[in-house]
Amino acid sequence: MIGALTLDQLRVLVAIADTGSFSAAGRSLGRVQSAISQSVASLETVQGVEIFDRSGYRPALTETGRVLVEQARLVLRGATQFEMVAANKRGGLEPELALAIDPLVASAPFIDALRDLSQTYPDLPISFSTEGLGGSLRRLRDGSAALGICTLLPSVPDDLVAYPLSRTVMRPVVGAGHPLAAVRRPVSTHELEPHVQLVLSDPVDPAGQNYGLASARLWRFADLNRRYDFVLAGFGWCRMPEHLVADALADGRLVELEIQDDTAPRDGLTIFAAHARDRVLGPGATHLLSALRKRFAA
């Protein structure tokens, strides 16, 4: 019966499992052994299960008891998290910080900024979503993310506040076994047209805006890593973030294309930290934004 279950009973149960005996559990909790025994007996009676086998010299956990101890640990951890979220809210901190992250974002400076955040607010729960093209913008607008680390194409919308963090250089690449890899000269967009181009598309609006198209045959992907697998396998060519393809270019698995009159920006795409203009950032999001700007600037 869940209504008769108390956190104190669960703490007693875990203390016995951790210390090895009723008497040791009593000492760790500052209680007499009889109170520990009574708590366990009440728990067994109400739940209708045998948690300890008392046939030996010392009570030992039954198979059911071992499972219930692990469940008790989960419940106690959840209760602790519950208290921390409430305490954070009382102190003005967000109950949770939700982030939407573009897969084009380099991990290293982002991880450094999160480490800084966790040192300042160690109890702040953080949720992440890695969003495909257009996903971060949607999450910022519907309020399910407080902060987006993303590209904003073709320009920053008026309803967002955006801070440029860095630029991600996009390299046109093709698998080493693809016919284009054998062309050791600049290729024209006319030569690219018959070959499959692997493009990132918005999974919600695949027919929406796309950028840097040069082929008549398009294979659309919502997942950057999946597209990477396909370009390595020789299914087509695409533009990939420099930091993701550096190793494959160095060891020859990928070949970089030189495109004549390429209209793609040579200095890459701007990565922004953005939030909705009509929403005030909490202390955690504000701290992370500051840390991101410092890390990416460095």
Protein backbone atom coordinates (compact mmCIF):
# COMPACT_ATOMS: atom_id res chain seq x y z
CA MET A 1 0.00 0.00 0.00
CA ILE A 2 1.71 3.14 -1.22
CA GLY A 3 -0.33 5.42 1.06
CA ALA A 4 1.20 3.86 4.17
CA LEU A 5 4.76 3.98 2.81
CA THR A 6 7.09 6.60 4.27
CA LEU A 7 10.47 7.92 3.18
CA ASP A 8 11.72 7.20 6.70
CA GLN A 9 11.00 3.49 6.25
CA LEU A 10 12.92 3.52 2.99
CA ARG A 11 15.87 5.28 4.65
CA VAL A 12 15.90 2.59 7.34
CA LEU A 13 15.81 -0.16 4.72
CA VAL A 14 18.72 1.34 2.76
CA ALA A 15 20.71 1.96 5.97
CA ILE A 16 20.41 -1.73 6.92
CA ALA A 17 21.54 -2.82 3.46
CA ASP A 18 24.50 -0.40 3.56
CA THR A 19 25.68 -1.14 7.11
CA GLY A 20 24.95 -4.87 7.19
CA SER A 21 22.82 -5.12 10.33
CA PHE A 22 19.92 -3.64 12.25
CA SER A 23 22.18 -2.47 15.08
CA ALA A 24 24.65 -0.78 12.73
CA ALA A 25 21.77 0.89 10.90
CA GLY A 26 20.46 2.17 14.21
CA ARG A 27 23.82 3.66 15.06
CA SER A 28 24.12 5.35 11.66
CA LEU A 29 20.63 6.86 12.01
CA GLY A 30 20.95 7.68 15.73
CA ARG A 31 18.20 5.28 16.80
CA VAL A 32 17.88 2.26 19.05
CA GLN A 33 17.81 -1.16 17.42
CA SER A 34 14.24 -1.82 18.52
CA ALA A 35 13.03 1.21 16.54
CA ILE A 36 14.80 -0.10 13.45
CA SER A 37 13.25 -3.55 13.88
CA GLN A 38 9.78 -2.07 14.39
CA SER A 39 10.12 0.07 11.23
CA VAL A 40 11.08 -2.97 9.14
CA ALA A 41 8.32 -5.14 10.64
CA SER A 42 5.74 -2.45 9.89
CA LEU A 43 7.00 -2.13 6.32
CA GLU A 44 6.78 -5.90 5.77
CA THR A 45 3.29 -6.10 7.29
CA VAL A 46 1.82 -3.24 5.30
CA GLN A 47 3.40 -4.32 2.01
CA GLY A 48 2.67 -8.01 2.57
CA VAL A 49 6.16 -9.22 1.65
CA GLU A 50 9.13 -10.67 3.51
CA ILE A 51 12.09 -8.32 3.13
CA PHE A 52 14.47 -10.06 5.56
CA ASP A 53 15.07 -13.75 6.17
CA ARG A 54 15.40 -14.13 9.95
CA SER A 55 16.24 -17.84 10.03
CA GLY A 56 19.98 -17.26 10.40
CA TYR A 57 22.20 -15.59 12.97
CA ARG A 58 21.60 -12.22 11.34
CA PRO A 59 18.61 -11.12 9.23
CA ALA A 60 19.52 -11.30 5.52
CA LEU A 61 17.78 -9.66 2.61
CA THR A 62 15.46 -11.95 0.66
CA GLU A 63 15.43 -11.85 -3.13
CA THR A 64 12.40 -9.55 -2.90
CA GLY A 65 14.23 -7.48 -0.30
CA ARG A 66 17.21 -6.93 -2.58
CA VAL A 67 14.95 -5.65 -5.34
CA LEU A 68 13.05 -3.40 -2.93
CA VAL A 69 16.29 -1.90 -1.59
CA GLU A 70 17.23 -0.78 -5.11
CA GLN A 71 13.75 0.65 -5.59
CA ALA A 72 14.08 2.46 -2.27
CA ARG A 73 17.35 4.03 -3.44
CA LEU A 74 15.62 5.31 -6.57
CA VAL A 75 12.75 6.79 -4.58
CA LEU A 76 15.10 8.50 -2.13
CA ARG A 77 17.16 9.95 -4.97
CA GLY A 78 13.96 11.24 -6.55
CA ALA A 79 12.89 12.80 -3.25
CA THR A 80 16.26 14.50 -2.92
CA GLN A 81 15.94 15.87 -6.45
CA PHE A 82 12.42 17.06 -5.62
CA GLU A 83 13.75 19.00 -2.64
CA MET A 84 16.63 20.49 -4.67
CA VAL A 85 14.30 21.74 -7.42
CA ALA A 86 12.04 23.37 -4.83
CA ALA A 87 15.04 24.94 -3.08
CA ASN A 88 16.38 26.25 -6.39
CA LYS A 89 13.03 27.82 -7.19
CA ARG A 90 12.86 29.49 -3.77
CA GLY A 91 16.31 30.93 -4.44
CA GLY A 92 15.23 32.32 -7.83
CA LEU A 93 16.92 29.63 -9.95
CA GLU A 94 15.09 27.92 -12.81
CA PRO A 95 13.57 24.56 -11.82
CA GLU A 96 15.17 23.18 -15.00
CA LEU A 97 17.27 24.59 -17.85
CA ALA A 98 16.17 23.30 -21.26
CA LEU A 99 18.62 23.71 -24.13
CA ALA A 100 18.20 23.18 -27.88
CA ILE A 101 21.49 22.48 -29.65
CA ASP A 102 22.23 22.44 -33.36
CA PRO A 103 24.33 19.41 -34.42
CA LEU A 104 26.70 21.81 -36.23
CA VAL A 105 27.88 23.19 -32.87
CA ALA A 106 31.39 22.10 -31.87
CA SER A 107 31.28 20.12 -28.62
CA ALA A 108 34.48 21.18 -26.83
CA PRO A 109 33.70 24.85 -25.99
CA PHE A 110 30.08 23.94 -25.24
CA ILE A 111 31.17 21.25 -22.77
CA ASP A 112 33.57 23.70 -21.11
CA ALA A 113 30.74 26.20 -20.65
CA LEU A 114 28.49 23.52 -19.16
CA ARG A 115 31.25 22.51 -16.76
CA ASP A 116 31.45 26.13 -15.61
CA LEU A 117 27.67 26.19 -15.14
CA SER A 118 27.64 22.94 -13.14
CA GLN A 119 30.30 24.27 -10.79
CA THR A 120 28.23 27.38 -10.08
CA TYR A 121 24.82 25.68 -9.96
CA PRO A 122 25.53 21.99 -9.23
CA ASP A 123 21.89 21.15 -8.47
CA LEU A 124 20.36 22.73 -11.58
CA PRO A 125 18.72 20.02 -13.75
CA ILE A 126 19.57 20.41 -17.44
CA SER A 127 17.79 18.85 -20.40
CA PHE A 128 19.23 18.74 -23.91
CA SER A 129 17.73 18.24 -27.31
CA THR A 130 19.88 18.05 -30.42
CA GLU A 131 17.71 19.62 -33.06
CA GLY A 132 17.74 19.30 -36.82
CA LEU A 133 17.39 22.24 -39.15
CA GLY A 134 14.69 24.59 -37.82
CA GLY A 135 14.16 22.62 -34.61
CA SER A 136 15.92 25.00 -32.23
CA LEU A 137 13.92 27.95 -33.54
CA ARG A 138 10.65 26.09 -32.97
CA ARG A 139 11.60 25.14 -29.42
CA LEU A 140 12.59 28.71 -28.56
CA ARG A 141 9.29 30.00 -29.90
CA ASP A 142 7.07 27.45 -28.15
CA GLY A 143 8.93 27.95 -24.86
CA SER A 144 10.17 24.36 -24.50
CA ALA A 145 13.79 25.60 -24.60
CA ALA A 146 15.16 28.62 -22.77
CA LEU A 147 18.34 28.87 -24.79
CA GLY A 148 19.27 27.69 -28.27
CA ILE A 149 22.80 27.19 -29.59
CA CYS A 150 22.14 27.10 -33.29
CA THR A 151 22.37 28.52 -36.78
CA LEU A 152 19.68 31.00 -37.79
CA LEU A 153 19.19 31.07 -41.56
CA PRO A 154 18.86 33.22 -43.58
CA SER A 155 18.88 35.87 -40.81
CA VAL A 156 18.07 36.36 -37.13
CA PRO A 157 14.28 36.60 -36.65
CA ASP A 158 12.94 39.73 -34.96
CA ASP A 159 11.39 37.74 -32.10
CA LEU A 160 14.78 36.40 -30.95
CA VAL A 161 17.75 37.93 -29.19
CA ALA A 162 20.87 36.28 -30.64
CA TYR A 163 24.55 36.53 -29.76
CA PRO A 164 27.09 35.31 -32.34
CA LEU A 165 29.45 32.74 -30.81
CA SER A 166 31.55 31.41 -33.66
CA ARG A 167 31.56 30.44 -37.31
CA THR A 168 31.50 26.85 -38.50
CA VAL A 169 33.31 26.36 -41.80
CA MET A 170 31.44 23.99 -44.11
CA ARG A 171 33.62 21.83 -46.36
CA PRO A 172 32.18 20.35 -49.58
CA VAL A 173 33.24 16.70 -49.37
CA VAL A 174 32.74 13.40 -51.11
CA GLY A 175 33.66 9.83 -50.27
CA ALA A 176 37.01 8.58 -51.61
CA GLY A 177 35.23 6.04 -53.84
CA HIS A 178 32.82 8.51 -55.42
CA PRO A 179 33.42 9.54 -59.09
CA LEU A 180 33.81 13.20 -58.08
CA ALA A 181 36.77 12.26 -55.86
CA ALA A 182 38.79 11.44 -58.97
CA VAL A 183 38.34 14.93 -60.44
CA ARG A 184 41.56 16.70 -59.49
CA ARG A 185 40.47 20.20 -60.50
CA PRO A 186 37.76 22.69 -59.58
CA VAL A 187 34.31 21.43 -60.55
CA SER A 188 31.52 23.60 -61.86
CA THR A 189 27.99 23.59 -60.49
CA HIS A 190 26.95 22.19 -63.87
CA GLU A 191 29.16 19.14 -63.22
CA LEU A 192 27.61 18.70 -59.77
CA GLU A 193 24.03 18.67 -61.03
CA PRO A 194 23.82 14.97 -62.03
CA HIS A 195 25.29 13.76 -58.73
CA VAL A 196 23.27 13.16 -55.57
CA GLN A 197 23.62 15.95 -53.01
CA LEU A 198 23.02 14.93 -49.41
CA VAL A 199 21.26 17.86 -47.73
CA LEU A 200 20.03 18.63 -44.24
CA SER A 201 16.32 19.42 -44.18
CA ASP A 202 13.82 20.44 -41.57
CA PRO A 203 12.03 17.20 -40.58
CA VAL A 204 8.83 19.14 -39.85
CA ASP A 205 8.97 21.14 -43.11
CA PRO A 206 11.21 19.20 -45.56
CA ALA A 207 10.05 21.37 -48.46
CA GLY A 208 11.10 24.54 -46.64
CA GLN A 209 14.15 26.67 -47.28
CA ASN A 210 17.42 24.92 -48.09
CA TYR A 211 20.78 26.56 -48.67
CA GLY A 212 23.77 25.76 -50.84
CA LEU A 213 21.91 23.51 -53.27
CA ALA A 214 23.79 22.70 -56.46
CA SER A 215 22.46 19.31 -57.59
CA ALA A 216 19.28 18.27 -59.31
CA ARG A 217 19.15 15.05 -57.25
CA LEU A 218 18.65 15.61 -53.52
CA TRP A 219 18.61 13.11 -50.68
CA ARG A 220 17.26 14.79 -47.56
CA PHE A 221 18.40 14.05 -44.02
CA ALA A 222 17.29 15.32 -40.62
CA ASP A 223 20.25 13.70 -38.84
CA LEU A 224 23.75 15.12 -39.45
CA ASN A 225 25.53 11.96 -38.31
CA ARG A 226 23.43 9.78 -40.59
CA ARG A 227 24.28 12.04 -43.51
CA TYR A 228 27.96 11.72 -42.56
CA ASP A 229 27.68 7.93 -42.77
CA PHE A 230 26.18 8.21 -46.24
CA VAL A 231 28.81 10.56 -47.62
CA LEU A 232 31.54 8.25 -46.27
CA ALA A 233 29.80 5.35 -48.02
CA GLY A 234 29.96 7.20 -51.36
CA PHE A 235 26.25 7.89 -51.92
CA GLY A 236 26.75 11.56 -52.80
CA TRP A 237 28.44 14.79 -51.85
CA CYS A 238 27.58 17.38 -49.21
CA ARG A 239 28.89 20.23 -47.09
CA MET A 240 29.99 19.13 -43.63
CA PRO A 241 31.31 21.08 -40.62
CA GLU A 242 35.08 21.25 -40.73
CA HIS A 243 35.53 19.93 -37.19
CA LEU A 244 33.54 16.79 -38.02
CA VAL A 245 35.37 15.84 -41.22
CA ALA A 246 38.95 16.85 -40.37
CA ASP A 247 40.03 13.30 -39.48
CA ALA A 248 38.35 11.70 -42.51
CA LEU A 249 39.97 14.26 -44.83
CA ALA A 250 43.36 13.67 -43.23
CA ASP A 251 43.24 9.88 -43.62
CA GLY A 252 41.77 9.96 -47.13
CA ARG A 253 38.30 8.56 -46.44
CA LEU A 254 36.87 11.86 -47.67
CA VAL A 255 38.05 14.20 -50.42
CA GLU A 256 37.33 17.94 -50.39
CA LEU A 257 35.79 19.38 -53.53
CA GLU A 258 36.75 22.75 -54.95
CA ILE A 259 33.64 24.29 -56.49
CA GLN A 260 33.92 27.03 -59.09
CA ASP A 261 31.96 30.18 -58.26
CA ASP A 262 30.77 28.59 -55.03
CA THR A 263 28.07 30.81 -53.50
CA ALA A 264 28.39 29.31 -50.02
CA PRO A 265 30.02 31.68 -47.50
CA ARG A 266 33.74 30.90 -47.33
CA ASP A 267 33.98 31.84 -43.68
CA GLY A 268 31.19 29.44 -42.75
CA LEU A 269 27.89 29.64 -40.90
CA THR A 270 27.40 31.71 -37.77
CA ILE A 271 26.55 29.82 -34.59
CA PHE A 272 24.37 31.86 -32.22
CA ALA A 273 23.24 31.60 -28.64
CA ALA A 274 19.63 32.75 -28.82
CA HIS A 275 16.55 33.16 -26.68
CA ALA A 276 13.03 34.46 -27.20
CA ARG A 277 12.90 38.25 -26.94
CA ASP A 278 9.78 38.18 -24.77
CA ARG A 279 11.22 35.74 -22.20
CA VAL A 280 13.61 36.77 -19.43
CA LEU A 281 16.50 34.37 -18.88
CA GLY A 282 16.87 32.86 -15.43
CA PRO A 283 20.15 32.91 -13.47
CA GLY A 284 21.30 29.54 -14.85
CA ALA A 285 20.64 30.42 -18.48
CA THR A 286 22.26 33.84 -18.00
CA HIS A 287 25.37 32.25 -16.51
CA LEU A 288 25.58 29.69 -19.31
CA LEU A 289 25.17 32.39 -21.97
CA SER A 290 28.08 34.35 -20.46
CA ALA A 291 30.23 31.21 -20.24
CA LEU A 292 29.44 30.27 -23.86
CA ARG A 293 30.44 33.70 -25.15
CA LYS A 294 33.73 33.51 -23.24
CA ARG A 295 34.56 29.95 -24.33
CA PHE A 296 33.73 30.43 -28.01
CA ALA A 297 35.56 33.76 -28.10
CA ALA A 298 38.65 32.00 -26.76
